[in-house]
Amino acid sequence: MIPEQVWDTADVPERELCNGRPTGGAMPLVWAHAEYLKLVRSLMDGRVFDMPDAAYRRYVRDKVTGLYAIWSMGSRIRSMLYGRVLRIQTDASVLVHWSTDNWRTREDTASRAIPGLGIRLSDLDTSALPPRAEVVFTLYYRDAQRWEGRDYRVVIEA
């Protein structure tokens, strides 16, 4: 049987933990066997054998993508696909101060709370921007009444 967890450090004999041996957690784990067999089968077939047809059609054949490119402090994307809306996700109430012509003109978009999730979203309508256009923005924290103090840039890709 394949264990879910294998001890990968020095032996601890008093706890019956030996390097390269099962830890005793969730064994036997038939799920791990099934995943291994699916991997072997997929490698032999040259394709994922248990991929749902609907998912394959939508995301591989029809190339359907999401409507949003999501930027957050934890995931500061630098580029996004053409035709998407740039969604800024924050933990605090912000005003997104942004431009598509390097600050010659600018817009402000206020964040809105998403109930129950503890996040706020600001959607910047970038869907009509051409490839190679650049969105530059900064954040104004409304409750703290302070600016972020730096600009962020996201380039539109074809």
Foldseek 3Di string as FASTA:
>chain_A
DDAPDADDDPDDVVQPHHHRHHSPPPPPDVVVVVVVVQVVVCVVVVHRPPDDPVCCCQCPVVNDDDQEDEDEPVRHAAEDEAQHWYKYKYLAWKWKWKDQPVVPDIDTWTWDDDPPPSMTITTHPRNPPDAQTKMKIWIQGVVVRHTPPDIGMYGYHD
